[in-house]
């Protein structure tokens, strides 16, 4: 109980596709990916040199 499986994920993606459309959904995915990438790189940068904080 409470587990999210592949069928539930596919249903959510299908609803999002219907609401936003394919082009806007691709843009949202790209923006989310870039945000995660920037967040990870900032965390990694802070761990490498903690004295560079401004």
N, C-alpha and C. Protein backbone atom coordinates (compact mmCIF):
# COMPACT_ATOMS: atom_id res chain seq x y z
N UNK A 1 0.84 -1.19 0.00
CA UNK A 1 0.00 0.00 0.00
C UNK A 1 0.88 1.25 0.00
N UNK A 2 0.54 2.23 -0.82
CA UNK A 2 1.29 3.46 -0.88
C UNK A 2 2.47 3.42 -1.84
N UNK A 3 2.64 2.34 -2.55
CA UNK A 3 3.74 2.25 -3.50
C UNK A 3 3.31 2.82 -4.84
N UNK A 4 4.23 3.52 -5.49
CA UNK A 4 3.95 4.07 -6.82
C UNK A 4 4.68 3.19 -7.83
N UNK A 5 3.91 2.62 -8.73
CA UNK A 5 4.48 1.74 -9.72
C UNK A 5 4.45 2.35 -11.11
N UNK A 6 4.85 1.57 -12.07
CA UNK A 6 4.90 2.03 -13.46
C UNK A 6 3.53 2.46 -13.99
N UNK A 7 2.45 1.73 -13.73
CA UNK A 7 1.14 2.17 -14.26
C UNK A 7 0.73 3.55 -13.74
N UNK A 8 0.99 3.82 -12.47
CA UNK A 8 0.62 5.12 -11.91
C UNK A 8 1.44 6.24 -12.53
N UNK A 9 2.74 5.99 -12.73
CA UNK A 9 3.60 6.99 -13.34
C UNK A 9 3.16 7.28 -14.77
N UNK A 10 2.79 6.25 -15.52
CA UNK A 10 2.33 6.44 -16.89
C UNK A 10 1.03 7.23 -16.95
N UNK A 11 0.14 6.99 -16.00
CA UNK A 11 -1.12 7.74 -15.96
C UNK A 11 -0.85 9.22 -15.69
N UNK A 12 0.03 9.52 -14.74
CA UNK A 12 0.36 10.91 -14.43
C UNK A 12 1.00 11.58 -15.64
N UNK A 13 1.92 10.89 -16.32
CA UNK A 13 2.55 11.47 -17.51
C UNK A 13 1.54 11.71 -18.63
N UNK A 14 0.59 10.81 -18.80
CA UNK A 14 -0.44 10.99 -19.83
C UNK A 14 -1.32 12.20 -19.52
N UNK A 15 -1.68 12.38 -18.27
CA UNK A 15 -2.49 13.55 -17.88
C UNK A 15 -1.70 14.83 -18.09
N UNK A 16 -0.42 14.84 -17.72
CA UNK A 16 0.41 16.02 -17.92
C UNK A 16 0.54 16.34 -19.40
N UNK A 17 0.67 15.32 -20.23
CA UNK A 17 0.76 15.52 -21.67
C UNK A 17 -0.52 16.14 -22.22
N UNK A 18 -1.66 15.69 -21.73
CA UNK A 18 -2.93 16.26 -22.18
C UNK A 18 -3.09 17.70 -21.74
N UNK A 19 -2.64 18.03 -20.54
CA UNK A 19 -2.81 19.38 -20.01
C UNK A 19 -1.84 20.36 -20.67
N UNK A 20 -0.56 20.02 -20.72
CA UNK A 20 0.46 20.96 -21.17
C UNK A 20 0.76 20.87 -22.66
N UNK A 21 0.58 19.71 -23.26
CA UNK A 21 0.95 19.53 -24.66
C UNK A 21 2.40 19.12 -24.78
N UNK A 22 2.76 18.51 -25.90
CA UNK A 22 4.11 17.96 -26.03
C UNK A 22 5.23 19.00 -26.01
N UNK A 23 5.04 20.16 -26.64
CA UNK A 23 6.12 21.14 -26.71
C UNK A 23 6.38 21.77 -25.35
N UNK A 24 5.33 22.13 -24.65
CA UNK A 24 5.50 22.75 -23.33
C UNK A 24 6.04 21.74 -22.32
N UNK A 25 5.62 20.49 -22.42
CA UNK A 25 6.11 19.45 -21.52
C UNK A 25 7.60 19.22 -21.74
N UNK A 26 8.06 19.27 -22.97
CA UNK A 26 9.49 19.12 -23.26
C UNK A 26 10.28 20.28 -22.67
N UNK A 27 9.75 21.47 -22.77
CA UNK A 27 10.41 22.64 -22.18
C UNK A 27 10.48 22.56 -20.67
N UNK A 28 9.40 22.08 -20.05
CA UNK A 28 9.41 21.93 -18.60
C UNK A 28 10.44 20.89 -18.16
N UNK A 29 10.54 19.80 -18.90
CA UNK A 29 11.53 18.77 -18.59
C UNK A 29 12.94 19.29 -18.74
N UNK A 30 13.18 20.08 -19.78
CA UNK A 30 14.50 20.65 -20.00
C UNK A 30 14.87 21.61 -18.87
N UNK A 31 13.94 22.44 -18.48
CA UNK A 31 14.19 23.38 -17.39
C UNK A 31 14.44 22.67 -16.07
N UNK A 32 13.69 21.62 -15.82
CA UNK A 32 13.88 20.85 -14.59
C UNK A 32 15.24 20.18 -14.58
N UNK A 33 15.64 19.63 -15.70
CA UNK A 33 16.95 18.98 -15.80
C UNK A 33 18.08 19.96 -15.59
N UNK A 34 17.97 21.15 -16.18
CA UNK A 34 19.01 22.17 -16.00
C UNK A 34 19.07 22.64 -14.56
N UNK A 35 17.92 22.76 -13.92
CA UNK A 35 17.89 23.17 -12.52
C UNK A 35 18.57 22.15 -11.61
N UNK A 36 18.30 20.88 -11.85
CA UNK A 36 18.93 19.82 -11.05
C UNK A 36 20.42 19.81 -11.30
N UNK A 37 20.83 19.98 -12.55
CA UNK A 37 22.25 19.99 -12.89
C UNK A 37 22.97 21.14 -12.20
N UNK A 38 22.38 22.33 -12.23
CA UNK A 38 22.98 23.48 -11.56
C UNK A 38 23.04 23.30 -10.05
N UNK A 39 22.01 22.71 -9.49
CA UNK A 39 21.98 22.47 -8.05
C UNK A 39 23.08 21.51 -7.64
N UNK A 40 23.23 20.43 -8.39
CA UNK A 40 24.28 19.45 -8.08
C UNK A 40 25.67 20.05 -8.25
N UNK A 41 25.86 20.84 -9.30
CA UNK A 41 27.19 21.43 -9.51
C UNK A 41 27.50 22.45 -8.41
N UNK A 42 26.51 23.17 -7.94
CA UNK A 42 26.76 24.13 -6.85
C UNK A 42 27.08 23.41 -5.55
N UNK A 43 26.43 22.29 -5.30
CA UNK A 43 26.76 21.51 -4.11
C UNK A 43 28.17 20.96 -4.20
N UNK A 44 28.54 20.46 -5.36
CA UNK A 44 29.86 19.91 -5.56
C UNK A 44 30.92 20.99 -5.42
N UNK A 45 30.65 22.16 -5.94
CA UNK A 45 31.59 23.28 -5.85
C UNK A 45 31.79 23.73 -4.41
N UNK A 46 30.71 23.73 -3.62
CA UNK A 46 30.83 24.12 -2.22
C UNK A 46 31.63 23.11 -1.42
N UNK A 47 31.55 21.85 -1.76
CA UNK A 47 32.29 20.83 -1.03
C UNK A 47 33.77 20.88 -1.38
N UNK A 48 34.09 21.26 -2.63
CA UNK A 48 35.49 21.30 -3.05
C UNK A 48 36.27 22.41 -2.33
N UNK A 49 35.68 23.59 -2.22
CA UNK A 49 36.38 24.72 -1.61
C UNK A 49 35.41 25.51 -0.74
N UNK A 50 35.25 25.14 0.52
CA UNK A 50 34.26 25.82 1.38
C UNK A 50 34.63 27.27 1.71
N UNK A 51 35.90 27.69 1.52
CA UNK A 51 36.30 29.04 1.85
C UNK A 51 35.97 30.05 0.76
N UNK A 52 35.47 29.60 -0.39
CA UNK A 52 35.14 30.49 -1.51
C UNK A 52 33.74 31.06 -1.40
N UNK A 53 33.05 30.82 -0.30
CA UNK A 53 31.68 31.35 -0.15
C UNK A 53 31.74 32.86 -0.06
N UNK A 54 30.83 33.53 -0.75
CA UNK A 54 30.86 34.99 -0.74
C UNK A 54 29.80 35.56 0.18
